[in-house]
Amino acid sequence: MAEYVIKNFGISKILFIPAFVPPFKNTAPELAEHRYKMVELAIKNNPDFEISDIEFRHSGKSYTYLTIKELYEQYKIDGKINFIIGTDAFESLDRWYKSEELRKMIRFIVFVRKNDFDSSKYDIMKTNGYDFKFANMQFNDISSTEIRERIKNNEELTGLLPAEVERYIKENGLYKD
């Protein structure tokens, strides 16, 4: 998805920000360092990609609003930050921490996560002040949940993850239970 954004949205750099503790997911805090390392391995060969430890420095729940606010301060950004998101998460923006302020700071690049997609469903989001564009990349139905389930069941992962990430998962015995 990030490569698609680089090629199709005129963006020169993608900043990956792994959450230390995602606010809407029940994940073990000890997996945070592993998630960071897996992102680092996945993007290491692409000069257009960079990883940030911004959410690790706070070591608590990661709220997008606080991260975006800090990015504006750190990088002296003028204008809106582009934010890559799936339709599933985009639909729940009104439940995010400080969503009213957040929508003024971000231009969302939304990736479709459904086969029966109807863009008119999102017209109300435009009316409510959200700035977004849909990415017309072909939908690929794979999720981190499915990958963890495959690992747990010793199923094949070939092609779903970069080889370095798959090796890291196996070497560290991640997602076995």
N, C-alpha and C. Protein backbone atom coordinates (compact mmCIF):
# COMPACT_ATOMS: atom_id res chain seq x y z
N MET A 1 0.82 -1.18 0.00
CA MET A 1 0.00 0.00 0.00
C MET A 1 0.87 1.25 0.00
N ALA A 2 1.93 1.24 0.77
CA ALA A 2 2.80 2.41 0.85
C ALA A 2 3.47 2.68 -0.49
N GLU A 3 3.88 1.63 -1.18
CA GLU A 3 4.48 1.80 -2.50
C GLU A 3 3.45 2.38 -3.48
N TYR A 4 2.22 1.95 -3.37
CA TYR A 4 1.14 2.47 -4.21
C TYR A 4 0.96 3.97 -3.96
N VAL A 5 1.00 4.38 -2.71
CA VAL A 5 0.84 5.80 -2.36
C VAL A 5 1.99 6.62 -2.94
N ILE A 6 3.20 6.13 -2.83
CA ILE A 6 4.36 6.84 -3.40
C ILE A 6 4.16 7.05 -4.90
N LYS A 7 3.75 6.01 -5.60
CA LYS A 7 3.60 6.07 -7.06
C LYS A 7 2.39 6.87 -7.52
N ASN A 8 1.31 6.88 -6.74
CA ASN A 8 0.05 7.44 -7.23
C ASN A 8 -0.43 8.72 -6.55
N PHE A 9 0.22 9.16 -5.50
CA PHE A 9 -0.24 10.34 -4.79
C PHE A 9 0.81 11.45 -4.70
N GLY A 10 1.92 11.30 -5.40
CA GLY A 10 2.93 12.35 -5.41
C GLY A 10 3.58 12.59 -4.06
N ILE A 11 3.69 11.56 -3.27
CA ILE A 11 4.30 11.66 -1.94
C ILE A 11 5.70 11.08 -2.02
N SER A 12 6.66 11.76 -1.42
CA SER A 12 8.05 11.33 -1.56
C SER A 12 8.57 10.49 -0.40
N LYS A 13 7.88 10.51 0.73
CA LYS A 13 8.37 9.77 1.91
C LYS A 13 7.18 9.26 2.71
N ILE A 14 7.28 7.99 3.13
CA ILE A 14 6.26 7.40 4.00
C ILE A 14 6.92 7.15 5.35
N LEU A 15 6.28 7.64 6.39
CA LEU A 15 6.77 7.44 7.75
C LEU A 15 5.89 6.39 8.42
N PHE A 16 6.50 5.27 8.79
CA PHE A 16 5.80 4.19 9.48
C PHE A 16 5.94 4.42 10.98
N ILE A 17 4.81 4.38 11.68
CA ILE A 17 4.81 4.66 13.12
C ILE A 17 4.10 3.51 13.83
N PRO A 18 4.85 2.48 14.21
CA PRO A 18 4.22 1.38 14.96
C PRO A 18 3.71 1.88 16.31
N ALA A 19 2.53 1.45 16.67
CA ALA A 19 1.95 1.83 17.96
C ALA A 19 2.62 1.04 19.07
N PHE A 20 2.87 1.70 20.17
CA PHE A 20 3.40 0.99 21.33
C PHE A 20 2.30 0.12 21.92
N VAL A 21 1.17 0.72 22.23
CA VAL A 21 -0.02 0.00 22.68
C VAL A 21 -1.21 0.58 21.91
N PRO A 22 -1.71 -0.13 20.89
CA PRO A 22 -2.85 0.39 20.14
C PRO A 22 -4.07 0.56 21.04
N PRO A 23 -4.79 1.70 20.95
CA PRO A 23 -5.90 1.97 21.87
C PRO A 23 -7.12 1.07 21.66
N PHE A 24 -7.32 0.54 20.47
CA PHE A 24 -8.52 -0.25 20.21
C PHE A 24 -8.24 -1.75 20.09
N LYS A 25 -7.03 -2.16 20.40
CA LYS A 25 -6.69 -3.58 20.30
C LYS A 25 -6.15 -4.06 21.63
N ASN A 26 -6.41 -5.30 21.92
CA ASN A 26 -5.92 -5.90 23.14
C ASN A 26 -4.67 -6.70 22.79
N THR A 27 -3.51 -6.02 22.83
CA THR A 27 -2.26 -6.67 22.49
C THR A 27 -1.32 -6.66 23.69
N ALA A 28 -0.48 -7.66 23.75
CA ALA A 28 0.49 -7.76 24.85
C ALA A 28 1.56 -6.68 24.67
N PRO A 29 1.81 -5.87 25.69
CA PRO A 29 2.82 -4.81 25.59
C PRO A 29 4.21 -5.33 25.20
N GLU A 30 4.51 -6.56 25.60
CA GLU A 30 5.84 -7.10 25.27
C GLU A 30 6.02 -7.34 23.76
N LEU A 31 4.93 -7.33 23.01
CA LEU A 31 5.03 -7.50 21.56
C LEU A 31 5.38 -6.20 20.84
N ALA A 32 5.33 -5.07 21.55
CA ALA A 32 5.59 -3.77 20.93
C ALA A 32 6.96 -3.73 20.26
N GLU A 33 7.99 -4.14 20.97
CA GLU A 33 9.35 -4.13 20.38
C GLU A 33 9.44 -5.04 19.17
N HIS A 34 8.75 -6.18 19.21
CA HIS A 34 8.75 -7.09 18.05
C HIS A 34 8.06 -6.44 16.86
N ARG A 35 6.91 -5.77 17.08
CA ARG A 35 6.21 -5.10 15.99
C ARG A 35 7.11 -4.03 15.36
N TYR A 36 7.80 -3.29 16.21
CA TYR A 36 8.71 -2.26 15.71
C TYR A 36 9.79 -2.89 14.83
N LYS A 37 10.40 -3.95 15.32
CA LYS A 37 11.48 -4.60 14.58
C LYS A 37 10.97 -5.18 13.25
N MET A 38 9.75 -5.75 13.26
CA MET A 38 9.21 -6.31 12.02
C MET A 38 8.95 -5.22 10.98
N VAL A 39 8.47 -4.07 11.41
CA VAL A 39 8.28 -2.96 10.46
C VAL A 39 9.63 -2.52 9.93
N GLU A 40 10.59 -2.39 10.81
CA GLU A 40 11.94 -1.99 10.42
C GLU A 40 12.51 -2.94 9.35
N LEU A 41 12.36 -4.24 9.57
CA LEU A 41 12.83 -5.23 8.60
C LEU A 41 12.06 -5.14 7.28
N ALA A 42 10.76 -4.93 7.35
CA ALA A 42 9.92 -4.90 6.15
C ALA A 42 10.24 -3.72 5.23
N ILE A 43 10.68 -2.61 5.79
CA ILE A 43 10.88 -1.41 4.97
C ILE A 43 12.35 -1.07 4.70
N LYS A 44 13.26 -1.84 5.24
CA LYS A 44 14.68 -1.46 5.22
C LYS A 44 15.27 -1.28 3.82
N ASN A 45 14.72 -1.92 2.81
CA ASN A 45 15.29 -1.82 1.47
C ASN A 45 14.62 -0.76 0.59
N ASN A 46 13.74 0.04 1.16
CA ASN A 46 13.07 1.06 0.38
C ASN A 46 13.47 2.44 0.91
N PRO A 47 14.23 3.20 0.11
CA PRO A 47 14.69 4.51 0.57
C PRO A 47 13.57 5.54 0.76
N ASP A 48 12.38 5.26 0.26
CA ASP A 48 11.24 6.17 0.42
C ASP A 48 10.50 5.93 1.74
N PHE A 49 10.89 4.90 2.47
CA PHE A 49 10.23 4.54 3.72
C PHE A 49 11.15 4.82 4.90
N GLU A 50 10.53 5.24 5.99
CA GLU A 50 11.27 5.52 7.22
C GLU A 50 10.42 5.07 8.41
N ILE A 51 11.06 4.65 9.48
CA ILE A 51 10.33 4.24 10.68
C ILE A 51 10.56 5.29 11.77
N SER A 52 9.54 5.49 12.57
CA SER A 52 9.63 6.44 13.69
C SER A 52 9.30 5.74 14.99
N ASP A 53 10.03 6.11 16.03
CA ASP A 53 9.76 5.56 17.37
C ASP A 53 8.96 6.53 18.22
N ILE A 54 8.30 7.47 17.59
CA ILE A 54 7.57 8.53 18.28
C ILE A 54 6.59 7.98 19.32
N GLU A 55 5.89 6.89 19.00
CA GLU A 55 4.92 6.34 19.95
C GLU A 55 5.59 5.46 21.00
N PHE A 56 6.80 5.00 20.73
CA PHE A 56 7.53 4.19 21.71
C PHE A 56 8.12 5.07 22.81
N ARG A 57 8.44 6.29 22.47
CA ARG A 57 9.02 7.19 23.48
C ARG A 57 8.02 7.52 24.57
N HIS A 58 6.72 7.40 24.28
CA HIS A 58 5.69 7.69 25.28
C HIS A 58 5.27 6.43 26.04
N SER A 59 5.53 5.29 25.48
CA SER A 59 5.31 3.96 26.07
C SER A 59 3.97 3.76 26.77
N GLY A 60 2.95 4.34 26.25
CA GLY A 60 1.60 4.12 26.75
C GLY A 60 0.70 3.87 25.56
N LYS A 61 -0.61 4.06 25.75
CA LYS A 61 -1.53 3.93 24.63
C LYS A 61 -1.18 4.97 23.58
N SER A 62 -1.25 4.54 22.34
CA SER A 62 -0.90 5.42 21.22
C SER A 62 -2.16 6.04 20.63
N TYR A 63 -2.31 7.34 20.78
CA TYR A 63 -3.44 8.04 20.21
C TYR A 63 -2.97 8.85 19.01
N THR A 64 -3.63 8.66 17.88
CA THR A 64 -3.23 9.31 16.64
C THR A 64 -3.15 10.83 16.79
N TYR A 65 -4.10 11.43 17.47
CA TYR A 65 -4.10 12.88 17.63
C TYR A 65 -2.79 13.37 18.25
N LEU A 66 -2.36 12.72 19.32
CA LEU A 66 -1.13 13.14 20.00
C LEU A 66 0.09 12.95 19.11
N THR A 67 0.09 11.86 18.36
CA THR A 67 1.21 11.59 17.44
C THR A 67 1.26 12.64 16.34
N ILE A 68 0.12 12.93 15.74
CA ILE A 68 0.07 13.91 14.65
C ILE A 68 0.48 15.29 15.17
N LYS A 69 0.01 15.64 16.33
CA LYS A 69 0.37 16.92 16.94
C LYS A 69 1.89 17.01 17.11
N GLU A 70 2.49 15.93 17.59
CA GLU A 70 3.94 15.93 17.78
C GLU A 70 4.69 15.97 16.44
N LEU A 71 4.15 15.31 15.42
CA LEU A 71 4.78 15.35 14.10
C LEU A 71 4.79 16.78 13.54
N TYR A 72 3.69 17.50 13.72
CA TYR A 72 3.65 18.90 13.29
C TYR A 72 4.75 19.72 13.96
N GLU A 73 4.95 19.49 15.24
CA GLU A 73 5.98 20.23 15.98
C GLU A 73 7.39 19.79 15.56
N GLN A 74 7.58 18.49 15.43
CA GLN A 74 8.91 17.94 15.13
C GLN A 74 9.37 18.30 13.72
N TYR A 75 8.49 18.24 12.74
CA TYR A 75 8.87 18.44 11.34
C TYR A 75 8.49 19.81 10.79
N LYS A 76 7.89 20.67 11.61
CA LYS A 76 7.48 22.02 11.17
C LYS A 76 6.66 21.93 9.88
N ILE A 77 5.62 21.11 9.90
CA ILE A 77 4.79 20.84 8.74
C ILE A 77 3.82 21.99 8.49
N ASP A 78 3.74 22.38 7.22
CA ASP A 78 2.78 23.40 6.80
C ASP A 78 1.74 22.70 5.93
N GLY A 79 0.50 22.73 6.31
CA GLY A 79 -0.55 22.01 5.58
C GLY A 79 -0.92 20.75 6.32
N LYS A 80 -1.66 19.89 5.64
CA LYS A 80 -2.15 18.66 6.27
C LYS A 80 -1.19 17.50 6.06
N ILE A 81 -1.15 16.62 7.04
CA ILE A 81 -0.37 15.39 6.94
C ILE A 81 -1.23 14.35 6.23
N ASN A 82 -0.64 13.64 5.29
CA ASN A 82 -1.32 12.53 4.64
C ASN A 82 -1.25 11.32 5.56
N PHE A 83 -2.37 10.64 5.71
CA PHE A 83 -2.47 9.53 6.65
C PHE A 83 -3.12 8.35 5.93
N ILE A 84 -2.40 7.25 5.82
CA ILE A 84 -2.90 6.05 5.14
C ILE A 84 -3.74 5.24 6.11
N ILE A 85 -4.94 4.85 5.67
CA ILE A 85 -5.89 4.16 6.55
C ILE A 85 -6.78 3.25 5.71
N GLY A 86 -7.28 2.19 6.31
CA GLY A 86 -8.24 1.30 5.65
C GLY A 86 -9.65 1.76 5.93
N THR A 87 -10.58 1.36 5.08
CA THR A 87 -11.98 1.78 5.27
C THR A 87 -12.52 1.33 6.62
N ASP A 88 -12.08 0.17 7.10
CA ASP A 88 -12.58 -0.32 8.38
C ASP A 88 -12.25 0.64 9.52
N ALA A 89 -11.04 1.15 9.57
CA ALA A 89 -10.65 2.11 10.61
C ALA A 89 -11.23 3.49 10.32
N PHE A 90 -11.29 3.85 9.04
CA PHE A 90 -11.82 5.16 8.65
C PHE A 90 -13.27 5.33 9.11
N GLU A 91 -14.03 4.25 9.05
CA GLU A 91 -15.44 4.31 9.44
C GLU A 91 -15.63 4.59 10.94
N SER A 92 -14.60 4.36 11.72
CA SER A 92 -14.72 4.55 13.17
C SER A 92 -14.05 5.83 13.67
N LEU A 93 -13.68 6.72 12.76
CA LEU A 93 -12.95 7.93 13.16
C LEU A 93 -13.66 8.77 14.21
N ASP A 94 -14.97 8.78 14.16
CA ASP A 94 -15.71 9.59 15.12
C ASP A 94 -15.53 9.10 16.56
N ARG A 95 -15.02 7.90 16.75
CA ARG A 95 -14.77 7.36 18.09
C ARG A 95 -13.31 7.53 18.53
N TRP A 96 -12.49 8.08 17.66
CA TRP A 96 -11.08 8.28 17.99
C TRP A 96 -10.92 9.45 18.95
N TYR A 97 -9.85 9.40 19.71
CA TYR A 97 -9.51 10.47 20.64
C TYR A 97 -9.32 11.79 19.89
N LYS A 98 -10.06 12.81 20.30
CA LYS A 98 -10.00 14.16 19.71
C LYS A 98 -10.19 14.15 18.19
N SER A 99 -11.17 13.40 17.73
CA SER A 99 -11.42 13.28 16.29
C SER A 99 -11.77 14.61 15.63
N GLU A 100 -12.43 15.51 16.36
CA GLU A 100 -12.78 16.83 15.81
C GLU A 100 -11.51 17.60 15.41
N GLU A 101 -10.52 17.59 16.28
CA GLU A 101 -9.27 18.29 15.99
C GLU A 101 -8.46 17.54 14.93
N LEU A 102 -8.49 16.23 15.02
CA LEU A 102 -7.71 15.39 14.12
C LEU A 102 -8.10 15.61 12.66
N ARG A 103 -9.38 15.73 12.39
CA ARG A 103 -9.82 15.87 11.00
C ARG A 103 -9.35 17.17 10.37
N LYS A 104 -8.99 18.15 11.18
CA LYS A 104 -8.46 19.42 10.65
C LYS A 104 -6.99 19.31 10.29
N MET A 105 -6.32 18.26 10.79
CA MET A 105 -4.88 18.12 10.65
C MET A 105 -4.45 17.13 9.58
N ILE A 106 -5.39 16.30 9.12
CA ILE A 106 -5.03 15.15 8.28
C ILE A 106 -5.81 15.12 6.98
N ARG A 107 -5.12 14.71 5.93
CA ARG A 107 -5.75 14.32 4.66
C ARG A 107 -5.60 12.80 4.61
N PHE A 108 -6.71 12.10 4.63
CA PHE A 108 -6.69 10.64 4.67
C PHE A 108 -6.59 10.06 3.26
N ILE A 109 -5.75 9.06 3.12
CA ILE A 109 -5.68 8.24 1.91
C ILE A 109 -6.27 6.91 2.33
N VAL A 110 -7.45 6.62 1.82
CA VAL A 110 -8.26 5.51 2.30
C VAL A 110 -8.19 4.32 1.34
N PHE A 111 -7.80 3.18 1.89
CA PHE A 111 -7.74 1.94 1.11
C PHE A 111 -8.97 1.10 1.42
N VAL A 112 -9.58 0.62 0.36
CA VAL A 112 -10.81 -0.18 0.46
C VAL A 112 -10.47 -1.55 1.04
N ARG A 113 -11.24 -1.96 2.05
CA ARG A 113 -11.03 -3.24 2.71
C ARG A 113 -12.24 -4.15 2.55
N LYS A 114 -13.03 -3.93 1.49
CA LYS A 114 -14.23 -4.73 1.27
C LYS A 114 -14.42 -4.96 -0.23
N ASN A 115 -15.07 -6.04 -0.57
CA ASN A 115 -15.38 -6.30 -1.97
C ASN A 115 -16.60 -5.53 -2.44
N ASP A 116 -17.55 -5.29 -1.57
CA ASP A 116 -18.80 -4.63 -1.95
C ASP A 116 -18.74 -3.14 -1.61
N PHE A 117 -17.72 -2.46 -2.10
CA PHE A 117 -17.45 -1.08 -1.74
C PHE A 117 -18.40 -0.11 -2.47
N ASP A 118 -18.93 0.84 -1.71
CA ASP A 118 -19.80 1.89 -2.24
C ASP A 118 -19.29 3.23 -1.69
N SER A 119 -18.63 4.01 -2.53
CA SER A 119 -18.02 5.26 -2.07
C SER A 119 -19.04 6.28 -1.59
N SER A 120 -20.27 6.20 -2.06
CA SER A 120 -21.29 7.18 -1.64
C SER A 120 -21.60 7.06 -0.14
N LYS A 121 -21.29 5.92 0.44
CA LYS A 121 -21.48 5.71 1.87
C LYS A 121 -20.65 6.70 2.70
N TYR A 122 -19.60 7.23 2.09
CA TYR A 122 -18.67 8.10 2.80
C TYR A 122 -18.92 9.58 2.53
N ASP A 123 -19.97 9.92 1.78
CA ASP A 123 -20.30 11.32 1.50
C ASP A 123 -20.51 12.11 2.78
N ILE A 124 -21.10 11.50 3.77
CA ILE A 124 -21.35 12.17 5.05
C ILE A 124 -20.04 12.58 5.72
N MET A 125 -18.97 11.82 5.48
CA MET A 125 -17.67 12.14 6.08
C MET A 125 -17.14 13.44 5.46
N LYS A 126 -17.35 13.61 4.15
CA LYS A 126 -16.95 14.87 3.49
C LYS A 126 -17.76 16.03 4.08
N THR A 127 -19.07 15.80 4.23
CA THR A 127 -19.96 16.82 4.80
C THR A 127 -19.50 17.20 6.20
N ASN A 128 -18.99 16.22 6.94
CA ASN A 128 -18.53 16.46 8.32
C ASN A 128 -17.10 17.02 8.40
N GLY A 129 -16.52 17.33 7.24
CA GLY A 129 -15.23 18.01 7.24
C GLY A 129 -14.00 17.15 7.09
N TYR A 130 -14.17 15.87 6.84
CA TYR A 130 -13.00 15.01 6.64
C TYR A 130 -12.47 15.19 5.23
N ASP A 131 -11.16 15.33 5.12
CA ASP A 131 -10.47 15.49 3.84
C ASP A 131 -9.90 14.12 3.49
N PHE A 132 -10.37 13.51 2.41
CA PHE A 132 -9.89 12.18 2.07
C PHE A 132 -10.02 11.88 0.58
N LYS A 133 -9.19 10.93 0.16
CA LYS A 133 -9.23 10.39 -1.19
C LYS A 133 -9.16 8.88 -1.07
N PHE A 134 -9.84 8.20 -1.98
CA PHE A 134 -9.76 6.75 -2.00
C PHE A 134 -8.61 6.31 -2.89
N ALA A 135 -7.88 5.32 -2.46
CA ALA A 135 -6.83 4.70 -3.27
C ALA A 135 -7.50 3.61 -4.09
N ASN A 136 -7.25 3.62 -5.37
CA ASN A 136 -7.89 2.65 -6.26
C ASN A 136 -7.05 1.39 -6.47
N MET A 137 -6.39 0.97 -5.42
CA MET A 137 -5.59 -0.25 -5.47
C MET A 137 -6.51 -1.45 -5.31
N GLN A 138 -6.24 -2.51 -6.04
CA GLN A 138 -7.07 -3.71 -5.94
C GLN A 138 -7.06 -4.25 -4.52
N PHE A 139 -8.24 -4.59 -4.05
CA PHE A 139 -8.43 -5.12 -2.70
C PHE A 139 -7.77 -6.49 -2.57
N ASN A 140 -6.95 -6.65 -1.52
CA ASN A 140 -6.31 -7.92 -1.21
C ASN A 140 -6.73 -8.30 0.20
N ASP A 141 -7.55 -9.32 0.31
CA ASP A 141 -8.15 -9.69 1.59
C ASP A 141 -7.18 -10.49 2.46
N ILE A 142 -6.30 -9.76 3.15
CA ILE A 142 -5.39 -10.37 4.09
C ILE A 142 -5.28 -9.43 5.29
N SER A 143 -5.25 -10.00 6.47
CA SER A 143 -5.17 -9.17 7.67
C SER A 143 -4.10 -9.72 8.60
N SER A 144 -3.69 -8.90 9.55
CA SER A 144 -2.71 -9.35 10.53
C SER A 144 -3.29 -10.49 11.36
N THR A 145 -4.60 -10.45 11.60
CA THR A 145 -5.26 -11.54 12.34
C THR A 145 -5.11 -12.85 11.58
N GLU A 146 -5.33 -12.81 10.26
CA GLU A 146 -5.20 -14.03 9.46
C GLU A 146 -3.76 -14.54 9.46
N ILE A 147 -2.81 -13.64 9.37
CA ILE A 147 -1.40 -14.04 9.40
C ILE A 147 -1.07 -14.71 10.73
N ARG A 148 -1.52 -14.11 11.84
CA ARG A 148 -1.26 -14.72 13.16
C ARG A 148 -1.91 -16.10 13.27
N GLU A 149 -3.11 -16.24 12.73
CA GLU A 149 -3.80 -17.55 12.74
C GLU A 149 -3.03 -18.58 11.93
N ARG A 150 -2.52 -18.17 10.78
CA ARG A 150 -1.74 -19.10 9.95
C ARG A 150 -0.48 -19.56 10.68
N ILE A 151 0.17 -18.63 11.36
CA ILE A 151 1.38 -18.98 12.13
C ILE A 151 1.02 -19.97 13.22
N LYS A 152 -0.04 -19.66 13.94
CA LYS A 152 -0.50 -20.51 15.04
C LYS A 152 -0.81 -21.93 14.56
N ASN A 153 -1.34 -22.06 13.34
CA ASN A 153 -1.70 -23.36 12.77
C ASN A 153 -0.62 -23.96 11.88
N ASN A 154 0.58 -23.36 11.92
CA ASN A 154 1.72 -23.83 11.10
C ASN A 154 1.38 -23.90 9.62
N GLU A 155 0.63 -22.92 9.13
CA GLU A 155 0.27 -22.87 7.71
C GLU A 155 1.29 -22.02 6.95
N GLU A 156 1.30 -22.15 5.65
CA GLU A 156 2.22 -21.45 4.75
C GLU A 156 1.99 -19.93 4.78
N LEU A 157 3.08 -19.17 4.75
CA LEU A 157 3.00 -17.71 4.74
C LEU A 157 3.63 -17.10 3.49
N THR A 158 4.21 -17.90 2.64
CA THR A 158 4.96 -17.43 1.48
C THR A 158 4.19 -16.37 0.71
N GLY A 159 4.84 -15.24 0.49
CA GLY A 159 4.26 -14.15 -0.28
C GLY A 159 3.43 -13.18 0.53
N LEU A 160 3.10 -13.52 1.76
CA LEU A 160 2.29 -12.63 2.59
C LEU A 160 3.14 -11.62 3.35
N LEU A 161 4.37 -11.98 3.63
CA LEU A 161 5.27 -11.14 4.40
C LEU A 161 6.64 -11.11 3.73
N PRO A 162 7.40 -10.04 3.90
CA PRO A 162 8.79 -10.08 3.44
C PRO A 162 9.52 -11.23 4.14
N ALA A 163 10.43 -11.87 3.45
CA ALA A 163 11.14 -13.04 3.98
C ALA A 163 11.81 -12.74 5.32
N GLU A 164 12.38 -11.53 5.46
CA GLU A 164 13.06 -11.17 6.71
C GLU A 164 12.09 -11.13 7.89
N VAL A 165 10.87 -10.69 7.63
CA VAL A 165 9.86 -10.60 8.68
C VAL A 165 9.40 -12.00 9.07
N GLU A 166 9.17 -12.84 8.08
CA GLU A 166 8.75 -14.22 8.35
C GLU A 166 9.83 -14.94 9.17
N ARG A 167 11.09 -14.75 8.80
CA ARG A 167 12.21 -15.37 9.53
C ARG A 167 12.25 -14.85 10.97
N TYR A 168 12.05 -13.55 11.15
CA TYR A 168 12.07 -12.95 12.48
C TYR A 168 10.96 -13.55 13.36
N ILE A 169 9.80 -13.70 12.80
CA ILE A 169 8.67 -14.28 13.54
C ILE A 169 9.00 -15.70 14.00
N LYS A 170 9.56 -16.50 13.08
CA LYS A 170 9.91 -17.89 13.42
C LYS A 170 11.03 -17.95 14.46
N GLU A 171 12.08 -17.11 14.27
CA GLU A 171 13.22 -17.12 15.19
C GLU A 171 12.81 -16.70 16.61
N ASN A 172 11.81 -15.84 16.71
CA ASN A 172 11.37 -15.35 18.01
C ASN A 172 10.14 -16.04 18.55
N GLY A 173 9.67 -17.05 17.83
CA GLY A 173 8.53 -17.84 18.29
C GLY A 173 7.26 -17.02 18.52
N LEU A 174 7.05 -16.03 17.67
CA LEU A 174 5.90 -15.14 17.86
C LEU A 174 4.60 -15.77 17.37
N TYR A 175 3.52 -15.41 18.01
CA TYR A 175 2.14 -15.75 17.62
C TYR A 175 1.85 -17.25 17.62
N LYS A 176 2.57 -18.00 18.42
CA LYS A 176 2.34 -19.45 18.50
C LYS A 176 1.12 -19.80 19.32
N ASP A 177 0.72 -18.93 20.24
CA ASP A 177 -0.46 -19.22 21.06
C ASP A 177 -1.38 -18.05 21.15
